[in-house]
Amino acid sequence: MTNGKKNPTGAGAIIALLILGGAIVGGMMGQPSAGLLIGTALGLLIALLLWLRERGK
């Protein structure tokens, strides 16, 4: 008894991994705060794109 809806794609893990990755890469470059912010921005951008893709279905 399905109604044709698919389960939405979660993006929490993507956001978390990019935040951590950004902090690590930024730390290796001497700018951990900048890396953290860039990782957060990239994670949120990907999450937004996933949400827009799922919304259109």
C-alpha atoms as a PDB file:
ATOM      1  CA  MET A   1       0.000   0.000   0.000  1.00  0.00           C
ATOM      2  CA  THR A   2       2.294   2.693  -1.208  1.00  0.00           C
ATOM      3  CA  ASN A   3       1.150   6.121  -2.239  1.00  0.00           C
ATOM      4  CA  GLY A   4       3.917   6.642  -4.798  1.00  0.00           C
ATOM      5  CA  LYS A   5       6.056   8.884  -2.591  1.00  0.00           C
ATOM      6  CA  LYS A   6       9.759   8.195  -2.332  1.00  0.00           C
ATOM      7  CA  ASN A   7      11.790   8.682   0.803  1.00  0.00           C
ATOM      8  CA  PRO A   8      13.593  12.034   0.779  1.00  0.00           C
ATOM      9  CA  THR A   9      17.371  12.162   0.598  1.00  0.00           C
ATOM     10  CA  GLY A  10      19.045  13.263   3.813  1.00  0.00           C
ATOM     11  CA  ALA A  11      21.954  15.673   3.702  1.00  0.00           C
ATOM     12  CA  GLY A  12      23.014  15.791   7.342  1.00  0.00           C
ATOM     13  CA  ALA A  13      25.995  13.496   6.846  1.00  0.00           C
ATOM     14  CA  ILE A  14      27.157  15.513   3.850  1.00  0.00           C
ATOM     15  CA  ILE A  15      27.013  18.732   5.855  1.00  0.00           C
ATOM     16  CA  ALA A  16      28.868  17.180   8.811  1.00  0.00           C
ATOM     17  CA  LEU A  17      31.609  15.642   6.658  1.00  0.00           C
ATOM     18  CA  LEU A  18      32.218  18.866   4.748  1.00  0.00           C
ATOM     19  CA  ILE A  19      32.394  20.880   7.982  1.00  0.00           C
ATOM     20  CA  LEU A  20      34.961  18.472   9.410  1.00  0.00           C
ATOM     21  CA  GLY A  21      36.861  18.237   6.127  1.00  0.00           C
ATOM     22  CA  GLY A  22      36.940  22.006   5.790  1.00  0.00           C
ATOM     23  CA  ALA A  23      38.293  22.403   9.316  1.00  0.00           C
ATOM     24  CA  ILE A  24      40.995  19.790   8.696  1.00  0.00           C
ATOM     25  CA  VAL A  25      42.072  21.226   5.346  1.00  0.00           C
ATOM     26  CA  GLY A  26      41.927  24.740   6.742  1.00  0.00           C
ATOM     27  CA  GLY A  27      44.016  23.645   9.723  1.00  0.00           C
ATOM     28  CA  MET A  28      46.671  22.218   7.420  1.00  0.00           C
ATOM     29  CA  MET A  29      46.753  25.581   5.636  1.00  0.00           C
ATOM     30  CA  GLY A  30      46.926  27.537   8.897  1.00  0.00           C
ATOM     31  CA  GLN A  31      43.329  28.835   8.674  1.00  0.00           C
ATOM     32  CA  PRO A  32      41.019  26.380  10.491  1.00  0.00           C
ATOM     33  CA  SER A  33      38.230  28.929  10.982  1.00  0.00           C
ATOM     34  CA  ALA A  34      38.138  29.801   7.300  1.00  0.00           C
ATOM     35  CA  GLY A  35      38.127  26.113   6.407  1.00  0.00           C
ATOM     36  CA  LEU A  36      35.268  25.512   8.806  1.00  0.00           C
ATOM     37  CA  LEU A  37      33.233  28.313   7.262  1.00  0.00           C
ATOM     38  CA  ILE A  38      33.967  27.189   3.703  1.00  0.00           C
ATOM     39  CA  GLY A  39      33.093  23.589   4.564  1.00  0.00           C
ATOM     40  CA  THR A  40      29.836  24.741   6.141  1.00  0.00           C
ATOM     41  CA  ALA A  41      28.953  26.837   3.114  1.00  0.00           C
ATOM     42  CA  LEU A  42      29.660  23.960   0.718  1.00  0.00           C
ATOM     43  CA  GLY A  43      27.662  21.537   2.857  1.00  0.00           C
ATOM     44  CA  LEU A  44      24.691  23.874   2.989  1.00  0.00           C
ATOM     45  CA  LEU A  45      24.897  24.484  -0.754  1.00  0.00           C
ATOM     46  CA  ILE A  46      24.840  20.753  -1.496  1.00  0.00           C
ATOM     47  CA  ALA A  47      21.987  20.240   0.989  1.00  0.00           C
ATOM     48  CA  LEU A  48      20.017  23.031  -0.692  1.00  0.00           C
ATOM     49  CA  LEU A  49      20.612  21.517  -4.133  1.00  0.00           C
ATOM     50  CA  LEU A  50      19.472  18.088  -2.900  1.00  0.00           C
ATOM     51  CA  TRP A  51      16.368  19.632  -1.353  1.00  0.00           C
ATOM     52  CA  LEU A  52      15.528  21.472  -4.579  1.00  0.00           C
ATOM     53  CA  ARG A  53      16.026  18.275  -6.592  1.00  0.00           C
ATOM     54  CA  GLU A  54      13.748  16.280  -4.257  1.00  0.00           C
ATOM     55  CA  ARG A  55      11.139  19.037  -4.197  1.00  0.00           C
ATOM     56  CA  GLY A  56      10.788  18.885  -7.968  1.00  0.00           C
ATOM     57  CA  LYS A  57       9.911  15.189  -7.961  1.00  0.00           C
END
